[in-house]
Amino acid sequence: MEAKVIQIGNSKGIRLSKTILKQYEIHEKVEIILEKDHIVIRPIDKPRAGWAEQFAQMAKDGEDELLMPDVFSEEEIEEWS
């Protein structure tokens, strides 16, 4: 595929078609990886998407117990004042 480099203010850029944006699920941001002889443009996904729902489900199922004991449970909070 060939794309024309266009002027964007004081910079230059390329346009990506709506089809490419949709196919690769590119929304707001991309990651640009500079390699020796080429440039890779990769969509940035949201790695924490859905976490809130998963945490809520874990709480509902009783699976949200601490993996480590609370570090402050044995200490006097007044000592920190």
N, C-alpha and C. Protein backbone atom coordinates (compact mmCIF):
# COMPACT_ATOMS: atom_id res chain seq x y z
N MET A 1 0.84 -1.17 0.00
CA MET A 1 0.00 0.00 0.00
C MET A 1 0.88 1.23 0.00
N GLU A 2 0.48 2.22 -0.73
CA GLU A 2 1.22 3.47 -0.80
C GLU A 2 0.38 4.57 -0.18
N ALA A 3 1.03 5.47 0.56
CA ALA A 3 0.34 6.60 1.17
C ALA A 3 1.15 7.86 0.92
N LYS A 4 0.46 8.94 0.68
CA LYS A 4 1.13 10.21 0.43
C LYS A 4 1.44 10.90 1.75
N VAL A 5 2.62 11.49 1.87
CA VAL A 5 3.00 12.27 3.04
C VAL A 5 2.41 13.66 2.84
N ILE A 6 1.65 14.14 3.84
CA ILE A 6 0.97 15.43 3.72
C ILE A 6 1.45 16.40 4.78
N GLN A 7 1.28 17.68 4.52
CA GLN A 7 1.64 18.74 5.46
C GLN A 7 0.54 18.85 6.52
N ILE A 8 0.92 18.85 7.80
CA ILE A 8 0.00 19.04 8.91
C ILE A 8 0.63 20.10 9.81
N GLY A 9 0.25 21.35 9.63
CA GLY A 9 0.88 22.45 10.37
C GLY A 9 2.36 22.52 10.03
N ASN A 10 3.22 22.50 11.05
CA ASN A 10 4.67 22.52 10.84
C ASN A 10 5.24 21.11 10.68
N SER A 11 4.39 20.10 10.73
CA SER A 11 4.84 18.71 10.65
C SER A 11 4.32 18.08 9.36
N LYS A 12 4.64 16.83 9.20
CA LYS A 12 4.12 16.05 8.09
C LYS A 12 3.54 14.76 8.64
N GLY A 13 2.62 14.17 7.93
CA GLY A 13 2.00 12.95 8.41
C GLY A 13 1.41 12.15 7.26
N ILE A 14 0.79 11.04 7.60
CA ILE A 14 0.09 10.22 6.62
C ILE A 14 -1.34 10.02 7.12
N ARG A 15 -2.25 9.81 6.19
CA ARG A 15 -3.64 9.54 6.55
C ARG A 15 -3.87 8.04 6.45
N LEU A 16 -4.64 7.53 7.40
CA LEU A 16 -5.04 6.13 7.38
C LEU A 16 -6.52 6.08 7.03
N SER A 17 -6.88 5.20 6.13
CA SER A 17 -8.26 5.11 5.70
C SER A 17 -9.16 4.59 6.82
N LYS A 18 -10.43 4.88 6.71
CA LYS A 18 -11.42 4.42 7.69
C LYS A 18 -11.40 2.90 7.77
N THR A 19 -11.19 2.23 6.63
CA THR A 19 -11.14 0.77 6.59
C THR A 19 -9.99 0.23 7.43
N ILE A 20 -8.82 0.84 7.31
CA ILE A 20 -7.65 0.40 8.09
C ILE A 20 -7.89 0.66 9.58
N LEU A 21 -8.42 1.85 9.90
CA LEU A 21 -8.68 2.18 11.30
C LEU A 21 -9.64 1.17 11.93
N LYS A 22 -10.65 0.80 11.18
CA LYS A 22 -11.64 -0.16 11.69
C LYS A 22 -11.05 -1.56 11.80
N GLN A 23 -10.35 -2.00 10.76
CA GLN A 23 -9.79 -3.36 10.74
C GLN A 23 -8.80 -3.59 11.86
N TYR A 24 -7.98 -2.58 12.16
CA TYR A 24 -6.95 -2.74 13.19
C TYR A 24 -7.36 -2.13 14.53
N GLU A 25 -8.63 -1.72 14.63
CA GLU A 25 -9.18 -1.17 15.86
C GLU A 25 -8.34 -0.03 16.41
N ILE A 26 -8.01 0.91 15.54
CA ILE A 26 -7.26 2.10 15.92
C ILE A 26 -8.28 3.18 16.26
N HIS A 27 -8.17 3.73 17.50
CA HIS A 27 -9.15 4.72 17.93
C HIS A 27 -8.49 6.06 18.19
N GLU A 28 -7.85 6.24 19.31
CA GLU A 28 -7.31 7.53 19.69
C GLU A 28 -5.79 7.62 19.57
N LYS A 29 -5.10 6.52 19.90
CA LYS A 29 -3.64 6.55 19.94
C LYS A 29 -3.05 5.32 19.25
N VAL A 30 -1.81 5.49 18.78
CA VAL A 30 -1.06 4.36 18.23
C VAL A 30 0.33 4.37 18.85
N GLU A 31 0.96 3.23 18.83
CA GLU A 31 2.35 3.10 19.25
C GLU A 31 3.19 3.11 17.99
N ILE A 32 4.23 3.91 17.96
CA ILE A 32 5.12 3.96 16.80
C ILE A 32 6.44 3.34 17.21
N ILE A 33 6.82 2.29 16.50
CA ILE A 33 8.06 1.56 16.80
C ILE A 33 9.03 1.80 15.64
N LEU A 34 10.17 2.38 15.97
CA LEU A 34 11.18 2.66 14.96
C LEU A 34 12.19 1.53 14.94
N GLU A 35 12.27 0.85 13.83
CA GLU A 35 13.23 -0.24 13.68
C GLU A 35 14.25 0.13 12.62
N LYS A 36 15.22 -0.69 12.44
CA LYS A 36 16.35 -0.36 11.57
C LYS A 36 15.93 0.15 10.20
N ASP A 37 15.09 -0.59 9.51
CA ASP A 37 14.75 -0.18 8.15
C ASP A 37 13.25 0.00 7.91
N HIS A 38 12.47 0.10 9.01
CA HIS A 38 11.04 0.34 8.83
C HIS A 38 10.41 0.90 10.10
N ILE A 39 9.20 1.40 9.93
CA ILE A 39 8.41 1.96 11.03
C ILE A 39 7.18 1.09 11.21
N VAL A 40 6.90 0.70 12.45
CA VAL A 40 5.72 -0.11 12.75
C VAL A 40 4.72 0.78 13.49
N ILE A 41 3.49 0.81 13.01
CA ILE A 41 2.42 1.54 13.69
C ILE A 41 1.48 0.49 14.25
N ARG A 42 1.31 0.51 15.57
CA ARG A 42 0.52 -0.52 16.24
C ARG A 42 -0.56 0.16 17.09
N PRO A 43 -1.80 -0.34 17.03
CA PRO A 43 -2.83 0.27 17.88
C PRO A 43 -2.51 0.04 19.35
N ILE A 44 -2.85 1.03 20.17
CA ILE A 44 -2.68 0.88 21.60
C ILE A 44 -4.02 0.39 22.14
N ASP A 45 -3.99 -0.80 22.70
CA ASP A 45 -5.21 -1.31 23.30
C ASP A 45 -5.28 -0.85 24.75
N LYS A 46 -6.35 -1.10 25.38
CA LYS A 46 -6.52 -0.71 26.77
C LYS A 46 -6.35 -1.95 27.63
N PRO A 47 -5.13 -2.18 28.14
CA PRO A 47 -4.86 -3.43 28.86
C PRO A 47 -5.69 -3.62 30.12
N ARG A 48 -6.21 -2.54 30.68
CA ARG A 48 -7.01 -2.66 31.90
C ARG A 48 -8.51 -2.57 31.63
N ALA A 49 -8.88 -2.61 30.36
CA ALA A 49 -10.30 -2.55 30.02
C ALA A 49 -11.02 -3.75 30.62
N GLY A 50 -12.14 -3.49 31.26
CA GLY A 50 -12.92 -4.57 31.85
C GLY A 50 -12.51 -4.96 33.25
N TRP A 51 -11.45 -4.36 33.79
CA TRP A 51 -10.98 -4.74 35.12
C TRP A 51 -12.04 -4.44 36.18
N ALA A 52 -12.71 -3.30 36.09
CA ALA A 52 -13.69 -2.94 37.12
C ALA A 52 -14.79 -3.99 37.20
N GLU A 53 -15.26 -4.45 36.05
CA GLU A 53 -16.30 -5.47 36.02
C GLU A 53 -15.78 -6.79 36.59
N GLN A 54 -14.54 -7.14 36.26
CA GLN A 54 -13.96 -8.38 36.78
C GLN A 54 -13.79 -8.32 38.29
N PHE A 55 -13.34 -7.17 38.81
CA PHE A 55 -13.19 -7.01 40.26
C PHE A 55 -14.54 -7.11 40.95
N ALA A 56 -15.55 -6.49 40.35
CA ALA A 56 -16.90 -6.56 40.93
C ALA A 56 -17.39 -8.01 40.98
N GLN A 57 -17.12 -8.77 39.93
CA GLN A 57 -17.53 -10.17 39.89
C GLN A 57 -16.77 -10.99 40.94
N MET A 58 -15.45 -10.70 41.08
CA MET A 58 -14.66 -11.40 42.10
C MET A 58 -15.22 -11.13 43.49
N ALA A 59 -15.60 -9.87 43.77
CA ALA A 59 -16.17 -9.53 45.07
C ALA A 59 -17.48 -10.27 45.28
N LYS A 60 -18.29 -10.32 44.25
CA LYS A 60 -19.58 -11.01 44.33
C LYS A 60 -19.39 -12.50 44.61
N ASP A 61 -18.36 -13.08 43.99
CA ASP A 61 -18.09 -14.51 44.15
C ASP A 61 -17.25 -14.82 45.39
N GLY A 62 -16.85 -13.78 46.13
CA GLY A 62 -16.04 -13.98 47.33
C GLY A 62 -14.60 -14.37 47.03
N GLU A 63 -14.11 -14.01 45.86
CA GLU A 63 -12.75 -14.37 45.45
C GLU A 63 -11.78 -13.19 45.56
N ASP A 64 -12.12 -12.19 46.35
CA ASP A 64 -11.28 -10.99 46.43
C ASP A 64 -10.53 -10.90 47.75
N GLU A 65 -10.09 -12.02 48.26
CA GLU A 65 -9.34 -12.02 49.52
C GLU A 65 -7.90 -11.57 49.27
N LEU A 66 -7.28 -11.04 50.33
CA LEU A 66 -5.89 -10.58 50.22
C LEU A 66 -4.96 -11.77 50.01
N LEU A 67 -3.97 -11.59 49.17
CA LEU A 67 -2.97 -12.63 48.96
C LEU A 67 -1.84 -12.51 49.98
N MET A 68 -1.68 -11.32 50.53
CA MET A 68 -0.67 -11.06 51.55
C MET A 68 -1.37 -10.42 52.74
N PRO A 69 -0.87 -10.64 53.94
CA PRO A 69 -1.50 -9.99 55.09
C PRO A 69 -1.31 -8.48 55.03
N ASP A 70 -2.23 -7.77 55.64
CA ASP A 70 -2.16 -6.31 55.70
C ASP A 70 -0.93 -5.91 56.51
N VAL A 71 -0.04 -5.13 55.95
CA VAL A 71 1.22 -4.79 56.62
C VAL A 71 1.02 -3.86 57.81
N PHE A 72 -0.10 -3.17 57.87
CA PHE A 72 -0.32 -2.23 58.96
C PHE A 72 -1.20 -2.80 60.08
N SER A 73 -1.66 -4.00 59.95
CA SER A 73 -2.59 -4.53 60.94
C SER A 73 -1.95 -4.70 62.31
N GLU A 74 -0.63 -4.92 62.37
CA GLU A 74 0.04 -5.14 63.65
C GLU A 74 0.64 -3.86 64.22
N GLU A 75 0.57 -2.77 63.51
CA GLU A 75 1.21 -1.55 63.96
C GLU A 75 0.19 -0.58 64.52
N GLU A 76 0.66 0.30 65.37
CA GLU A 76 -0.18 1.34 65.92
C GLU A 76 -0.17 2.53 64.95
N ILE A 77 -1.32 2.89 64.48
CA ILE A 77 -1.42 4.00 63.54
C ILE A 77 -0.98 5.31 64.21
N GLU A 78 -1.20 5.42 65.52
CA GLU A 78 -0.85 6.65 66.24
C GLU A 78 0.66 6.91 66.18
N GLU A 79 1.46 5.86 65.99
CA GLU A 79 2.91 6.03 65.91
C GLU A 79 3.30 6.83 64.68
N TRP A 80 2.44 6.87 63.68
CA TRP A 80 2.74 7.55 62.42
C TRP A 80 2.36 9.02 62.47
N SER A 81 1.69 9.44 63.53
CA SER A 81 1.23 10.86 63.61
C SER A 81 2.33 11.73 64.15
